[in-house]
Amino acid sequence: MIDSIIKQPDLLPKLLVSVRAPLEVLGKRELKDNISVVDWHMPVSTAPNKYAISLKSNDTTSRMIKGAGNFVINFMGAEHQSVVLSCENRDGMFLDLFETLGVTKVEADMVESPRIKEAKAVLECEVEHELESGDHTIFIGKVVGPRI
């Protein structure tokens, strides 16, 4: 199942990870949605289906995934390369990146984090393991909601 998703020839090698979690912004706790570009990612199991992403440990998205316990992997097609590249080096703490990037936020089927409607394929994941690896955290998610 994961192979049929990630081996599509027109997918970008970078993906967008979306998450929804409580976050403290300027001393006020609020529920925020965020998107981040991930370069380091891979399938790690097919029975059950699991997928791993690696993010800087001090990154907003990394902190949000730790709080949420879930995330959504959005595989974008080549036609959205400019969206993916414009997301790099942006932090969703003070910006609504869905609006800024011009992508449509929709509710995921199986997790609380939103997904991106324009994605060619989506993996909804529940965090099963967090591995600290130097300045990065590797999140291994059990795929609970694939969508092509």
N, C-alpha and C. Protein backbone atom coordinates (compact mmCIF):
# COMPACT_ATOMS: atom_id res chain seq x y z
N MET A 1 0.81 -1.19 0.00
CA MET A 1 0.00 0.00 0.00
C MET A 1 0.86 1.26 0.00
N ILE A 2 1.85 1.32 0.89
CA ILE A 2 2.71 2.51 0.91
C ILE A 2 3.48 2.63 -0.40
N ASP A 3 3.97 1.51 -0.93
CA ASP A 3 4.70 1.55 -2.20
C ASP A 3 3.87 2.17 -3.32
N SER A 4 2.59 1.82 -3.39
CA SER A 4 1.74 2.38 -4.46
C SER A 4 1.58 3.89 -4.31
N ILE A 5 1.74 4.37 -3.10
CA ILE A 5 1.63 5.82 -2.86
C ILE A 5 2.95 6.51 -3.20
N ILE A 6 4.06 6.03 -2.63
CA ILE A 6 5.31 6.79 -2.74
C ILE A 6 6.05 6.58 -4.04
N LYS A 7 5.67 5.61 -4.83
CA LYS A 7 6.38 5.37 -6.08
C LYS A 7 5.70 6.00 -7.29
N GLN A 8 4.81 6.95 -7.06
CA GLN A 8 4.21 7.68 -8.16
C GLN A 8 5.29 8.57 -8.77
N PRO A 9 5.47 8.52 -10.07
CA PRO A 9 6.61 9.22 -10.69
C PRO A 9 6.57 10.74 -10.61
N ASP A 10 5.42 11.34 -10.41
CA ASP A 10 5.36 12.80 -10.42
C ASP A 10 5.32 13.41 -9.02
N LEU A 11 5.65 12.63 -7.98
CA LEU A 11 5.69 13.18 -6.62
C LEU A 11 7.02 13.86 -6.36
N LEU A 12 6.96 14.94 -5.61
CA LEU A 12 8.18 15.64 -5.21
C LEU A 12 8.90 14.84 -4.13
N PRO A 13 10.24 14.89 -4.08
CA PRO A 13 10.97 14.17 -3.03
C PRO A 13 10.77 14.78 -1.65
N LYS A 14 10.45 16.06 -1.60
CA LYS A 14 10.13 16.72 -0.33
C LYS A 14 8.64 16.56 -0.10
N LEU A 15 8.23 16.46 1.16
CA LEU A 15 6.81 16.37 1.43
C LEU A 15 6.42 17.42 2.45
N LEU A 16 5.12 17.65 2.56
CA LEU A 16 4.60 18.59 3.54
C LEU A 16 3.93 17.79 4.65
N VAL A 17 4.30 18.09 5.89
CA VAL A 17 3.69 17.45 7.05
C VAL A 17 2.79 18.48 7.71
N SER A 18 1.56 18.09 7.96
CA SER A 18 0.63 18.99 8.64
C SER A 18 0.27 18.42 10.00
N VAL A 19 0.03 19.33 10.94
CA VAL A 19 -0.26 18.93 12.32
C VAL A 19 -1.14 19.98 12.98
N ARG A 20 -1.95 19.54 13.93
CA ARG A 20 -2.77 20.43 14.76
C ARG A 20 -2.48 20.10 16.21
N ALA A 21 -2.13 21.13 16.98
CA ALA A 21 -1.81 20.90 18.40
C ALA A 21 -1.95 22.19 19.18
N PRO A 22 -2.15 22.08 20.50
CA PRO A 22 -2.12 23.27 21.36
C PRO A 22 -0.70 23.84 21.36
N LEU A 23 -0.60 25.14 21.29
CA LEU A 23 0.70 25.81 21.24
C LEU A 23 0.58 27.13 21.97
N GLU A 24 1.62 27.50 22.70
CA GLU A 24 1.62 28.79 23.38
C GLU A 24 2.21 29.84 22.45
N VAL A 25 1.40 30.84 22.13
CA VAL A 25 1.82 31.91 21.25
C VAL A 25 1.68 33.22 22.00
N LEU A 26 2.81 33.90 22.23
CA LEU A 26 2.84 35.16 22.96
C LEU A 26 2.12 35.04 24.30
N GLY A 27 2.39 33.95 25.01
CA GLY A 27 1.85 33.76 26.34
C GLY A 27 0.42 33.26 26.39
N LYS A 28 -0.19 33.00 25.23
CA LYS A 28 -1.56 32.53 25.18
C LYS A 28 -1.60 31.14 24.53
N ARG A 29 -2.27 30.20 25.18
CA ARG A 29 -2.36 28.84 24.64
C ARG A 29 -3.53 28.77 23.66
N GLU A 30 -3.25 28.29 22.45
CA GLU A 30 -4.29 28.16 21.44
C GLU A 30 -4.04 26.94 20.57
N LEU A 31 -5.10 26.47 19.92
CA LEU A 31 -4.99 25.34 19.01
C LEU A 31 -4.54 25.87 17.66
N LYS A 32 -3.42 25.36 17.16
CA LYS A 32 -2.84 25.86 15.91
C LYS A 32 -2.68 24.72 14.91
N ASP A 33 -2.77 25.08 13.65
CA ASP A 33 -2.45 24.17 12.56
C ASP A 33 -1.15 24.64 11.93
N ASN A 34 -0.33 23.70 11.49
CA ASN A 34 0.96 24.06 10.92
C ASN A 34 1.32 23.11 9.79
N ILE A 35 2.19 23.59 8.91
CA ILE A 35 2.73 22.80 7.81
C ILE A 35 4.24 22.96 7.83
N SER A 36 4.95 21.88 7.54
CA SER A 36 6.40 21.95 7.47
C SER A 36 6.90 21.08 6.32
N VAL A 37 8.00 21.51 5.72
CA VAL A 37 8.64 20.72 4.67
C VAL A 37 9.55 19.69 5.33
N VAL A 38 9.49 18.46 4.84
CA VAL A 38 10.35 17.39 5.36
C VAL A 38 11.12 16.78 4.20
N ASP A 39 12.45 16.80 4.35
CA ASP A 39 13.34 16.19 3.35
C ASP A 39 13.66 14.75 3.71
N TRP A 40 13.77 14.47 5.00
CA TRP A 40 14.19 13.15 5.46
C TRP A 40 12.96 12.35 5.88
N HIS A 41 12.60 11.37 5.07
CA HIS A 41 11.42 10.55 5.35
C HIS A 41 11.55 9.22 4.63
N MET A 42 10.85 8.19 5.17
CA MET A 42 10.91 6.87 4.53
C MET A 42 9.89 5.93 5.15
N PRO A 43 9.47 4.91 4.37
CA PRO A 43 8.66 3.84 4.96
C PRO A 43 9.56 3.01 5.87
N VAL A 44 9.02 2.52 6.99
CA VAL A 44 9.82 1.71 7.90
C VAL A 44 9.18 0.37 8.22
N SER A 45 7.95 0.13 7.73
CA SER A 45 7.30 -1.16 7.93
C SER A 45 6.12 -1.28 6.98
N THR A 46 5.88 -2.50 6.53
CA THR A 46 4.70 -2.74 5.70
C THR A 46 3.66 -3.60 6.42
N ALA A 47 4.01 -4.20 7.54
CA ALA A 47 3.04 -5.00 8.29
C ALA A 47 3.29 -4.81 9.79
N PRO A 48 2.69 -3.83 10.43
CA PRO A 48 1.74 -2.86 9.89
C PRO A 48 2.46 -1.74 9.14
N ASN A 49 1.70 -0.96 8.38
CA ASN A 49 2.27 0.15 7.63
C ASN A 49 2.72 1.25 8.58
N LYS A 50 4.02 1.61 8.47
CA LYS A 50 4.58 2.69 9.28
C LYS A 50 5.47 3.56 8.40
N TYR A 51 5.53 4.84 8.74
CA TYR A 51 6.32 5.79 7.98
C TYR A 51 7.06 6.68 8.96
N ALA A 52 8.31 7.03 8.66
CA ALA A 52 9.14 7.85 9.55
C ALA A 52 9.47 9.19 8.91
N ILE A 53 9.48 10.22 9.74
CA ILE A 53 9.92 11.55 9.32
C ILE A 53 10.94 12.04 10.34
N SER A 54 11.85 12.89 9.90
CA SER A 54 12.86 13.44 10.78
C SER A 54 12.80 14.97 10.72
N LEU A 55 12.65 15.58 11.89
CA LEU A 55 12.55 17.04 11.99
C LEU A 55 13.54 17.55 13.03
N LYS A 56 13.99 18.79 12.86
CA LYS A 56 14.82 19.40 13.90
C LYS A 56 14.06 19.38 15.20
N SER A 57 14.72 18.99 16.27
CA SER A 57 14.06 18.81 17.57
C SER A 57 13.47 20.10 18.12
N ASN A 58 14.09 21.24 17.84
CA ASN A 58 13.58 22.51 18.38
C ASN A 58 12.62 23.21 17.42
N ASP A 59 12.25 22.57 16.34
CA ASP A 59 11.34 23.13 15.35
C ASP A 59 9.91 23.19 15.90
N THR A 60 9.15 24.20 15.50
CA THR A 60 7.75 24.32 15.94
C THR A 60 6.95 23.07 15.60
N THR A 61 7.11 22.55 14.39
CA THR A 61 6.33 21.38 13.97
C THR A 61 6.70 20.16 14.81
N SER A 62 7.96 19.99 15.12
CA SER A 62 8.40 18.88 15.96
C SER A 62 7.74 18.97 17.34
N ARG A 63 7.75 20.13 17.93
CA ARG A 63 7.12 20.32 19.24
C ARG A 63 5.61 20.06 19.15
N MET A 64 5.01 20.48 18.05
CA MET A 64 3.57 20.27 17.88
C MET A 64 3.23 18.79 17.74
N ILE A 65 4.02 18.05 16.97
CA ILE A 65 3.76 16.61 16.80
C ILE A 65 3.89 15.90 18.14
N LYS A 66 4.87 16.29 18.95
CA LYS A 66 5.02 15.69 20.28
C LYS A 66 3.76 15.91 21.11
N GLY A 67 3.16 17.10 20.99
CA GLY A 67 1.94 17.40 21.75
C GLY A 67 0.70 16.76 21.17
N ALA A 68 0.64 16.65 19.85
CA ALA A 68 -0.57 16.13 19.20
C ALA A 68 -0.63 14.61 19.20
N GLY A 69 0.53 13.97 19.03
CA GLY A 69 0.56 12.51 18.94
C GLY A 69 0.14 11.98 17.59
N ASN A 70 0.03 12.87 16.61
CA ASN A 70 -0.32 12.45 15.25
C ASN A 70 0.16 13.50 14.26
N PHE A 71 0.20 13.12 12.99
CA PHE A 71 0.58 14.04 11.93
C PHE A 71 0.07 13.49 10.61
N VAL A 72 0.06 14.33 9.60
CA VAL A 72 -0.38 13.92 8.27
C VAL A 72 0.75 14.21 7.28
N ILE A 73 1.09 13.20 6.50
CA ILE A 73 2.08 13.35 5.44
C ILE A 73 1.33 13.65 4.15
N ASN A 74 1.66 14.77 3.53
CA ASN A 74 1.02 15.20 2.29
C ASN A 74 2.05 15.12 1.17
N PHE A 75 1.87 14.17 0.27
CA PHE A 75 2.75 14.03 -0.89
C PHE A 75 2.24 14.95 -1.98
N MET A 76 3.06 15.91 -2.36
CA MET A 76 2.65 16.90 -3.35
C MET A 76 3.19 16.52 -4.72
N GLY A 77 2.39 16.81 -5.74
CA GLY A 77 2.81 16.57 -7.11
C GLY A 77 3.74 17.65 -7.61
N ALA A 78 4.40 17.35 -8.71
CA ALA A 78 5.38 18.28 -9.29
C ALA A 78 4.77 19.65 -9.59
N GLU A 79 3.48 19.68 -9.88
CA GLU A 79 2.82 20.97 -10.18
C GLU A 79 2.76 21.89 -8.96
N HIS A 80 3.04 21.36 -7.76
CA HIS A 80 3.03 22.18 -6.55
C HIS A 80 4.44 22.44 -6.00
N GLN A 81 5.44 22.31 -6.85
CA GLN A 81 6.82 22.52 -6.40
C GLN A 81 7.01 23.91 -5.80
N SER A 82 6.43 24.94 -6.40
CA SER A 82 6.60 26.30 -5.89
C SER A 82 5.97 26.45 -4.51
N VAL A 83 4.88 25.74 -4.24
CA VAL A 83 4.25 25.78 -2.92
C VAL A 83 5.18 25.16 -1.89
N VAL A 84 5.74 24.00 -2.22
CA VAL A 84 6.63 23.30 -1.29
C VAL A 84 7.87 24.15 -1.02
N LEU A 85 8.47 24.68 -2.07
CA LEU A 85 9.68 25.49 -1.88
C LEU A 85 9.41 26.77 -1.10
N SER A 86 8.23 27.36 -1.29
CA SER A 86 7.93 28.60 -0.55
C SER A 86 7.60 28.32 0.91
N CYS A 87 7.34 27.07 1.26
CA CYS A 87 7.07 26.70 2.66
C CYS A 87 8.37 26.56 3.46
N GLU A 88 9.47 26.26 2.77
CA GLU A 88 10.74 26.10 3.47
C GLU A 88 11.12 27.38 4.20
N ASN A 89 11.69 27.22 5.37
CA ASN A 89 12.15 28.34 6.20
C ASN A 89 11.03 29.26 6.66
N ARG A 90 9.80 28.74 6.71
CA ARG A 90 8.68 29.50 7.28
C ARG A 90 8.20 28.75 8.51
N ASP A 91 7.81 29.51 9.51
CA ASP A 91 7.36 28.93 10.76
C ASP A 91 5.89 29.29 10.95
N GLY A 92 5.06 28.28 11.18
CA GLY A 92 3.63 28.50 11.33
C GLY A 92 3.20 28.99 12.69
N MET A 93 4.16 29.35 13.55
CA MET A 93 3.77 29.85 14.86
C MET A 93 2.98 31.14 14.75
N PHE A 94 3.39 32.03 13.85
CA PHE A 94 2.73 33.32 13.74
C PHE A 94 1.99 33.50 12.42
N LEU A 95 2.12 32.55 11.52
CA LEU A 95 1.48 32.61 10.20
C LEU A 95 0.50 31.46 10.04
N ASP A 96 -0.57 31.68 9.30
CA ASP A 96 -1.42 30.59 8.86
C ASP A 96 -0.83 30.12 7.54
N LEU A 97 -0.02 29.06 7.58
CA LEU A 97 0.68 28.63 6.38
C LEU A 97 -0.26 28.06 5.32
N PHE A 98 -1.41 27.53 5.71
CA PHE A 98 -2.38 27.08 4.71
C PHE A 98 -2.80 28.27 3.84
N GLU A 99 -3.13 29.37 4.50
CA GLU A 99 -3.54 30.58 3.77
C GLU A 99 -2.36 31.19 3.02
N THR A 100 -1.23 31.31 3.67
CA THR A 100 -0.04 31.91 3.05
C THR A 100 0.38 31.16 1.80
N LEU A 101 0.32 29.83 1.84
CA LEU A 101 0.75 29.00 0.71
C LEU A 101 -0.34 28.83 -0.34
N GLY A 102 -1.57 29.19 0.01
CA GLY A 102 -2.68 29.05 -0.93
C GLY A 102 -3.12 27.61 -1.12
N VAL A 103 -3.04 26.80 -0.05
CA VAL A 103 -3.51 25.42 -0.11
C VAL A 103 -4.76 25.29 0.76
N THR A 104 -5.56 24.29 0.46
CA THR A 104 -6.84 24.10 1.14
C THR A 104 -6.70 23.13 2.29
N LYS A 105 -7.07 23.58 3.48
CA LYS A 105 -7.04 22.75 4.68
C LYS A 105 -8.37 21.99 4.77
N VAL A 106 -8.28 20.66 4.90
CA VAL A 106 -9.47 19.84 5.12
C VAL A 106 -9.21 18.90 6.29
N GLU A 107 -10.28 18.46 6.91
CA GLU A 107 -10.14 17.55 8.04
C GLU A 107 -9.68 16.18 7.55
N ALA A 108 -8.79 15.58 8.30
CA ALA A 108 -8.35 14.21 8.01
C ALA A 108 -9.46 13.24 8.43
N ASP A 109 -9.38 12.02 7.93
CA ASP A 109 -10.40 11.03 8.24
C ASP A 109 -10.17 10.34 9.58
N MET A 110 -8.89 10.09 9.95
CA MET A 110 -8.60 9.23 11.09
C MET A 110 -7.82 9.91 12.23
N VAL A 111 -7.24 11.08 11.99
CA VAL A 111 -6.48 11.78 13.03
C VAL A 111 -7.00 13.22 13.14
N GLU A 112 -6.59 13.90 14.20
CA GLU A 112 -7.07 15.27 14.42
C GLU A 112 -6.36 16.31 13.57
N SER A 113 -5.15 16.01 13.13
CA SER A 113 -4.42 16.98 12.31
C SER A 113 -5.06 17.08 10.93
N PRO A 114 -5.03 18.28 10.32
CA PRO A 114 -5.65 18.44 9.01
C PRO A 114 -4.75 17.91 7.90
N ARG A 115 -5.33 17.76 6.73
CA ARG A 115 -4.57 17.38 5.55
C ARG A 115 -4.70 18.49 4.51
N ILE A 116 -3.92 18.38 3.44
CA ILE A 116 -3.93 19.37 2.35
C ILE A 116 -4.71 18.76 1.19
N LYS A 117 -5.77 19.42 0.80
CA LYS A 117 -6.64 18.91 -0.26
C LYS A 117 -5.89 18.70 -1.58
N GLU A 118 -4.95 19.55 -1.89
CA GLU A 118 -4.24 19.48 -3.17
C GLU A 118 -3.19 18.36 -3.23
N ALA A 119 -2.94 17.69 -2.12
CA ALA A 119 -1.94 16.61 -2.10
C ALA A 119 -2.38 15.47 -3.01
N LYS A 120 -1.41 14.87 -3.71
CA LYS A 120 -1.72 13.72 -4.58
C LYS A 120 -1.96 12.46 -3.77
N ALA A 121 -1.33 12.35 -2.61
CA ALA A 121 -1.50 11.21 -1.73
C ALA A 121 -1.27 11.67 -0.30
N VAL A 122 -1.90 10.99 0.64
CA VAL A 122 -1.84 11.38 2.05
C VAL A 122 -1.68 10.13 2.91
N LEU A 123 -0.84 10.25 3.94
CA LEU A 123 -0.74 9.22 4.98
C LEU A 123 -1.08 9.88 6.31
N GLU A 124 -2.15 9.45 6.93
CA GLU A 124 -2.50 9.93 8.26
C GLU A 124 -1.83 9.00 9.26
N CYS A 125 -1.07 9.57 10.19
CA CYS A 125 -0.23 8.76 11.07
C CYS A 125 -0.46 9.09 12.54
N GLU A 126 -0.47 8.04 13.36
CA GLU A 126 -0.44 8.18 14.80
C GLU A 126 0.98 7.88 15.26
N VAL A 127 1.55 8.76 16.07
CA VAL A 127 2.93 8.59 16.52
C VAL A 127 3.03 7.34 17.41
N GLU A 128 3.94 6.45 17.02
CA GLU A 128 4.22 5.26 17.83
C GLU A 128 5.54 5.37 18.57
N HIS A 129 6.52 6.04 17.96
CA HIS A 129 7.84 6.17 18.58
C HIS A 129 8.43 7.53 18.24
N GLU A 130 9.18 8.07 19.19
CA GLU A 130 9.99 9.27 18.98
C GLU A 130 11.42 8.89 19.33
N LEU A 131 12.34 9.13 18.41
CA LEU A 131 13.74 8.82 18.65
C LEU A 131 14.54 10.12 18.56
N GLU A 132 15.22 10.47 19.64
CA GLU A 132 16.09 11.63 19.61
C GLU A 132 17.39 11.21 18.93
N SER A 133 17.81 11.97 17.94
CA SER A 133 19.01 11.63 17.19
C SER A 133 19.80 12.91 16.95
N GLY A 134 20.63 13.27 17.92
CA GLY A 134 21.38 14.52 17.81
C GLY A 134 20.43 15.70 17.85
N ASP A 135 20.48 16.54 16.81
CA ASP A 135 19.62 17.72 16.79
C ASP A 135 18.29 17.48 16.09
N HIS A 136 17.98 16.22 15.76
CA HIS A 136 16.72 15.87 15.11
C HIS A 136 15.94 14.86 15.93
N THR A 137 14.64 14.86 15.74
CA THR A 137 13.76 13.84 16.31
C THR A 137 13.16 13.06 15.14
N ILE A 138 13.21 11.75 15.25
CA ILE A 138 12.61 10.88 14.24
C ILE A 138 11.27 10.42 14.81
N PHE A 139 10.21 10.73 14.08
CA PHE A 139 8.87 10.29 14.47
C PHE A 139 8.49 9.11 13.59
N ILE A 140 8.13 8.01 14.22
CA ILE A 140 7.64 6.85 13.48
C ILE A 140 6.13 6.81 13.70
N GLY A 141 5.41 6.90 12.60
CA GLY A 141 3.96 6.92 12.69
C GLY A 141 3.33 5.67 12.09
N LYS A 142 2.36 5.13 12.79
CA LYS A 142 1.56 4.04 12.25
C LYS A 142 0.54 4.66 11.30
N VAL A 143 0.52 4.19 10.06
CA VAL A 143 -0.39 4.74 9.06
C VAL A 143 -1.79 4.21 9.35
N VAL A 144 -2.69 5.12 9.69
CA VAL A 144 -4.07 4.74 10.00
C VAL A 144 -5.05 5.21 8.94
N GLY A 145 -4.60 6.08 8.05
CA GLY A 145 -5.49 6.60 7.02
C GLY A 145 -4.79 6.97 5.75
N PRO A 146 -4.56 6.00 4.87
CA PRO A 146 -3.98 6.34 3.56
C PRO A 146 -5.04 6.86 2.62
N ARG A 147 -4.66 7.77 1.72
CA ARG A 147 -5.58 8.32 0.73
C ARG A 147 -4.80 8.66 -0.53
N ILE A 148 -5.29 8.15 -1.65
CA ILE A 148 -4.66 8.48 -2.94
C ILE A 148 -5.63 9.33 -3.72
